[in-house]
């Protein structure tokens, strides 16, 4: 089967499940994992500006898209000519069924189940001793955070953080003063590439808060990625435990 993935984390999952470069025939420029395999696969644009002509030339049997990451009108245009599956992952349960679906589609059921079990194991082992109030920022100018109906929120909750913006939805804009209740402020490495200089800027407002850069992929890449984040979460929580003492 010739497959095009319009979703970076799904592209990674396809290879983790055992598909080859002969099966995954197209990807977006943001599909960067696994690097050794995706580098030979044709790029069909970005997640929000796909090149339909390039997709047609690749003659896929199946296109995998996502409700949040891709543009509805572009996906609907593809549906006129191709079989398209649109995923929507907001919870850990959604992620379980995503992998289960991919496993069934490509006869990789056992491998999919192994990843699902590993993900539950990782999230079970990564737990804070007590709840910590957190603000997780994904953008600057304006500052944007995450609401309760996002995958990032679910991962934070699973490992013991309380999102101070849990009463908001999607990705709301906020002001610096809105962060006052947070014990920890997380600056994600993506989609905005927060750096150490941004920590220093925030320290001017909140000198006593723990402000840290976090791996955006660990919190936002659904599919198989979380199964590989056990050591990262363990190290992150150890750092949080250190400031609680």
Protein backbone atom coordinates (compact mmCIF):
# COMPACT_ATOMS: atom_id res chain seq x y z
CA UNK A 1 0.00 0.00 0.00
CA UNK A 2 1.30 3.47 -0.93
CA UNK A 3 0.72 5.87 1.97
CA UNK A 4 1.16 9.61 2.34
CA UNK A 5 1.22 11.06 5.85
CA UNK A 6 0.30 14.70 6.45
CA UNK A 7 1.02 14.40 10.18
CA UNK A 8 4.56 14.34 11.65
CA UNK A 9 3.76 12.10 14.62
CA UNK A 10 1.80 9.69 12.44
CA UNK A 11 4.73 9.45 10.03
CA UNK A 12 6.95 8.46 12.96
CA UNK A 13 4.36 5.93 14.10
CA UNK A 14 4.16 4.29 10.68
CA UNK A 15 7.88 3.57 10.70
CA UNK A 16 7.81 2.47 14.34
CA UNK A 17 5.12 -0.03 13.42
CA UNK A 18 7.38 -1.43 10.71
CA UNK A 19 6.38 0.21 7.43
CA UNK A 20 9.14 0.82 4.89
CA UNK A 21 10.16 3.70 2.63
CA UNK A 22 8.49 1.81 -0.22
CA UNK A 23 5.15 2.07 1.59
CA UNK A 24 5.38 5.60 3.02
CA UNK A 25 5.78 7.53 -0.23
CA UNK A 26 5.09 11.13 0.85
CA UNK A 27 5.44 13.32 3.95
CA UNK A 28 5.36 16.96 5.10
CA UNK A 29 8.51 18.96 5.72
CA UNK A 30 7.77 18.70 9.44
CA UNK A 31 7.86 14.89 9.38
CA UNK A 32 11.40 14.61 10.75
CA UNK A 33 11.38 11.25 12.60
CA UNK A 34 12.94 8.77 12.07
CA UNK A 35 15.54 10.94 10.34
CA UNK A 36 17.38 8.07 8.66
CA UNK A 37 14.21 6.95 6.87
CA UNK A 38 12.24 10.11 6.17
CA UNK A 39 15.14 11.88 4.45
CA UNK A 40 14.59 9.83 1.28
CA UNK A 41 10.81 10.38 1.17
CA UNK A 42 9.36 13.11 -1.09
CA UNK A 43 8.04 16.24 0.68
CA UNK A 44 4.54 17.34 -0.33
CA UNK A 45 4.56 20.69 1.49
CA UNK A 46 3.81 21.65 5.08
CA UNK A 47 1.01 20.43 7.31
CA UNK A 48 -1.10 23.47 6.43
CA UNK A 49 -0.01 24.12 2.84
CA UNK A 50 0.07 20.78 1.06
CA UNK A 51 0.83 20.54 -2.65
CA UNK A 52 -2.03 18.58 -4.18
CA UNK A 53 -0.24 18.22 -7.54
CA UNK A 54 2.72 16.56 -5.84
CA UNK A 55 0.35 14.24 -4.01
CA UNK A 56 -1.39 13.28 -7.23
CA UNK A 57 1.96 12.50 -8.87
CA UNK A 58 2.77 10.07 -6.04
CA UNK A 59 -0.49 8.14 -6.60
CA UNK A 60 -1.16 7.14 -2.98
CA UNK A 61 -3.62 4.42 -2.01
CA UNK A 62 -4.19 6.13 1.34
CA UNK A 63 -3.61 9.56 2.87
CA UNK A 64 -3.46 10.04 6.64
CA UNK A 65 -4.49 13.48 7.90
CA UNK A 66 -5.41 15.08 11.22
CA UNK A 67 -8.34 17.30 12.20
CA UNK A 68 -6.18 19.82 14.05
CA UNK A 69 -2.93 19.80 12.11
CA UNK A 70 -4.28 19.99 8.57
CA UNK A 71 -6.56 22.50 6.83
CA UNK A 72 -10.11 21.21 6.42
CA UNK A 73 -10.57 22.55 2.88
CA UNK A 74 -7.31 21.01 1.67
CA UNK A 75 -8.19 17.63 3.17
CA UNK A 76 -11.67 17.74 1.63
CA UNK A 77 -10.13 18.49 -1.77
CA UNK A 78 -7.98 15.37 -1.44
CA UNK A 79 -11.05 13.32 -0.56
CA UNK A 80 -12.40 13.94 -4.04
CA UNK A 81 -9.65 11.79 -5.54
CA UNK A 82 -8.16 9.68 -2.75
CA UNK A 83 -9.00 7.60 0.28
CA UNK A 84 -8.29 9.83 3.26
CA UNK A 85 -8.43 8.93 6.94
CA UNK A 86 -8.69 11.94 9.28
CA UNK A 87 -7.45 11.30 12.80
CA UNK A 88 -8.37 13.28 15.92
CA UNK A 89 -6.35 12.68 19.07
CA UNK A 90 -7.17 14.59 22.25
CA UNK A 91 -6.89 11.90 24.94
CA UNK A 92 -4.73 8.91 25.83
CA UNK A 93 -7.67 6.70 24.87
CA UNK A 94 -7.82 8.41 21.46
CA UNK A 95 -4.14 7.65 21.05
CA UNK A 96 -4.69 4.00 21.96
CA UNK A 97 -7.29 3.64 19.23
CA UNK A 98 -5.16 5.54 16.72
CA UNK A 99 -2.38 2.96 17.11
CA UNK A 100 -4.88 0.14 17.14
CA UNK A 101 -6.39 1.44 13.87
CA UNK A 102 -2.98 1.80 12.22
CA UNK A 103 -2.05 -1.69 13.39
CA UNK A 104 -5.19 -3.13 11.84
CA UNK A 105 -4.72 -1.19 8.58
CA UNK A 106 -1.19 -2.40 7.98
CA UNK A 107 -1.30 -5.84 9.64
CA UNK A 108 0.90 -4.62 12.49
CA UNK A 109 -1.53 -5.36 15.31
CA UNK A 110 1.02 -6.93 17.66
CA UNK A 111 3.52 -4.11 17.23
CA UNK A 112 0.80 -1.51 17.82
CA UNK A 113 -0.25 -3.24 21.02
CA UNK A 114 3.35 -3.31 22.25
CA UNK A 115 3.58 0.44 21.81
CA UNK A 116 0.25 1.00 23.53
CA UNK A 117 1.34 -1.04 26.53
CA UNK A 118 4.66 0.81 26.68
CA UNK A 119 2.90 4.19 26.61
CA UNK A 120 0.71 3.23 29.57
CA UNK A 121 3.82 1.97 31.38
CA UNK A 122 5.69 5.24 30.76
CA UNK A 123 2.80 7.37 31.99
CA UNK A 124 2.22 5.15 35.02
CA UNK A 125 5.86 5.34 36.11
CA UNK A 126 6.14 9.11 35.57
CA UNK A 127 4.16 10.55 38.46
CA UNK A 128 4.66 13.53 40.73
CA UNK A 129 4.30 12.92 44.45
CA UNK A 130 1.93 15.88 44.73
CA UNK A 131 0.08 18.03 42.22
CA UNK A 132 2.02 20.98 40.82
CA UNK A 133 0.29 23.96 39.22
CA UNK A 134 1.69 24.54 35.74
CA UNK A 135 1.35 26.88 32.79
CA UNK A 136 2.48 25.44 29.46
CA UNK A 137 3.24 28.03 26.78
CA UNK A 138 3.34 27.20 23.09
CA UNK A 139 3.74 30.68 21.56
CA UNK A 140 5.14 34.14 22.13
CA UNK A 141 3.85 37.52 20.87
CA UNK A 142 1.16 36.90 21.86
CA UNK A 143 1.72 34.35 24.61
CA UNK A 144 -0.48 31.32 24.03
CA UNK A 145 -1.15 28.36 26.29
CA UNK A 146 -3.18 25.15 26.22
CA UNK A 147 -6.73 24.41 27.37
CA UNK A 148 -8.22 21.22 28.74
CA UNK A 149 -9.33 19.83 25.37
CA UNK A 150 -5.78 19.29 24.11
CA UNK A 151 -3.47 16.30 24.06
CA UNK A 152 -0.79 18.30 25.86
CA UNK A 153 -3.17 18.93 28.76
CA UNK A 154 -3.86 15.20 29.05
CA UNK A 155 -0.18 14.31 29.19
CA UNK A 156 0.45 16.96 31.85
CA UNK A 157 -2.48 15.67 33.89
CA UNK A 158 -1.35 12.05 33.57
CA UNK A 159 2.01 12.80 35.18
CA UNK A 160 0.65 14.94 37.98
CA UNK A 161 0.51 18.56 36.81
CA UNK A 162 -2.52 20.82 37.24
CA UNK A 163 -2.97 23.10 34.24
CA UNK A 164 -3.93 26.52 35.61
CA UNK A 165 -5.77 27.16 32.33
CA UNK A 166 -7.86 23.98 32.46
CA UNK A 167 -11.04 26.08 32.33
CA UNK A 168 -10.05 27.37 28.88
CA UNK A 169 -10.24 25.52 25.56
CA UNK A 170 -7.84 24.97 22.68
CA UNK A 171 -4.97 27.48 22.58
CA UNK A 172 -5.98 30.74 24.25
CA UNK A 173 -3.97 33.95 24.28
CA UNK A 174 -2.84 35.07 27.73
CA UNK A 175 -1.00 37.96 29.38
CA UNK A 176 2.09 37.75 31.57
CA UNK A 177 0.04 38.58 34.68
CA UNK A 178 -2.22 35.56 34.01
CA UNK A 179 0.68 33.29 35.02
CA UNK A 180 0.70 34.39 38.64
CA UNK A 181 -0.85 31.14 39.99
CA UNK A 182 1.63 28.84 38.26
CA UNK A 183 4.30 27.14 40.37
CA UNK A 184 6.07 26.02 37.19
CA UNK A 185 6.05 27.73 33.80
CA UNK A 186 6.93 25.45 30.91
CA UNK A 187 8.13 26.99 27.65
CA UNK A 188 7.72 24.46 24.86
CA UNK A 189 10.42 23.90 22.24
CA UNK A 190 7.70 23.88 19.58
CA UNK A 191 5.80 25.25 17.74
CA UNK A 192 7.48 28.44 18.98
CA UNK A 193 11.17 27.71 19.64
CA UNK A 194 11.52 29.10 23.16
CA UNK A 195 15.14 29.58 24.27
CA UNK A 196 17.04 30.43 27.46
CA UNK A 197 16.73 34.16 26.69
CA UNK A 198 12.95 33.84 27.00
CA UNK A 199 13.38 32.35 30.46
CA UNK A 200 15.39 35.43 31.46
CA UNK A 201 12.66 37.72 30.11
CA UNK A 202 10.06 35.96 32.25
CA UNK A 203 12.32 35.96 35.30
CA UNK A 204 12.08 39.74 35.26
CA UNK A 205 8.36 39.36 36.07
CA UNK A 206 8.53 36.17 38.15
CA UNK A 207 11.98 35.85 39.73
CA UNK A 208 10.86 33.17 42.20
CA UNK A 209 9.04 30.83 39.80
CA UNK A 210 10.52 27.73 38.20
CA UNK A 211 10.64 28.55 34.47
CA UNK A 212 11.96 25.87 32.14
CA UNK A 213 12.26 24.84 28.50
CA UNK A 214 10.51 21.52 27.83
CA UNK A 215 10.58 19.12 24.90
CA UNK A 216 7.45 19.94 22.92
CA UNK A 217 7.53 16.60 21.11
CA UNK A 218 7.30 14.71 24.42
CA UNK A 219 4.04 16.46 25.27
CA UNK A 220 2.38 16.95 21.89
CA UNK A 221 3.46 14.12 19.57
CA UNK A 222 0.81 11.45 19.82
CA UNK A 223 1.20 8.04 18.19
CA UNK A 224 4.24 6.06 19.32
CA UNK A 225 6.41 8.95 20.50
CA UNK A 226 5.44 8.86 24.19
CA UNK A 227 6.70 5.29 24.43
CA UNK A 228 10.23 6.67 23.96
CA UNK A 229 9.91 9.46 26.52
CA UNK A 230 10.24 7.48 29.75
CA UNK A 231 13.75 8.74 30.56
CA UNK A 232 12.83 12.29 29.60
CA UNK A 233 9.78 12.39 31.88
CA UNK A 234 11.75 10.79 34.72
CA UNK A 235 14.43 13.47 34.45
CA UNK A 236 11.87 16.27 34.18
CA UNK A 237 9.97 15.13 37.26
CA UNK A 238 13.21 14.72 39.21
CA UNK A 239 13.93 18.39 38.47
CA UNK A 240 10.47 19.34 39.73
CA UNK A 241 10.87 17.19 42.85
CA UNK A 242 14.11 19.02 43.61
CA UNK A 243 12.36 22.40 43.83
CA UNK A 244 9.56 20.96 46.00
CA UNK A 245 11.95 20.01 48.75
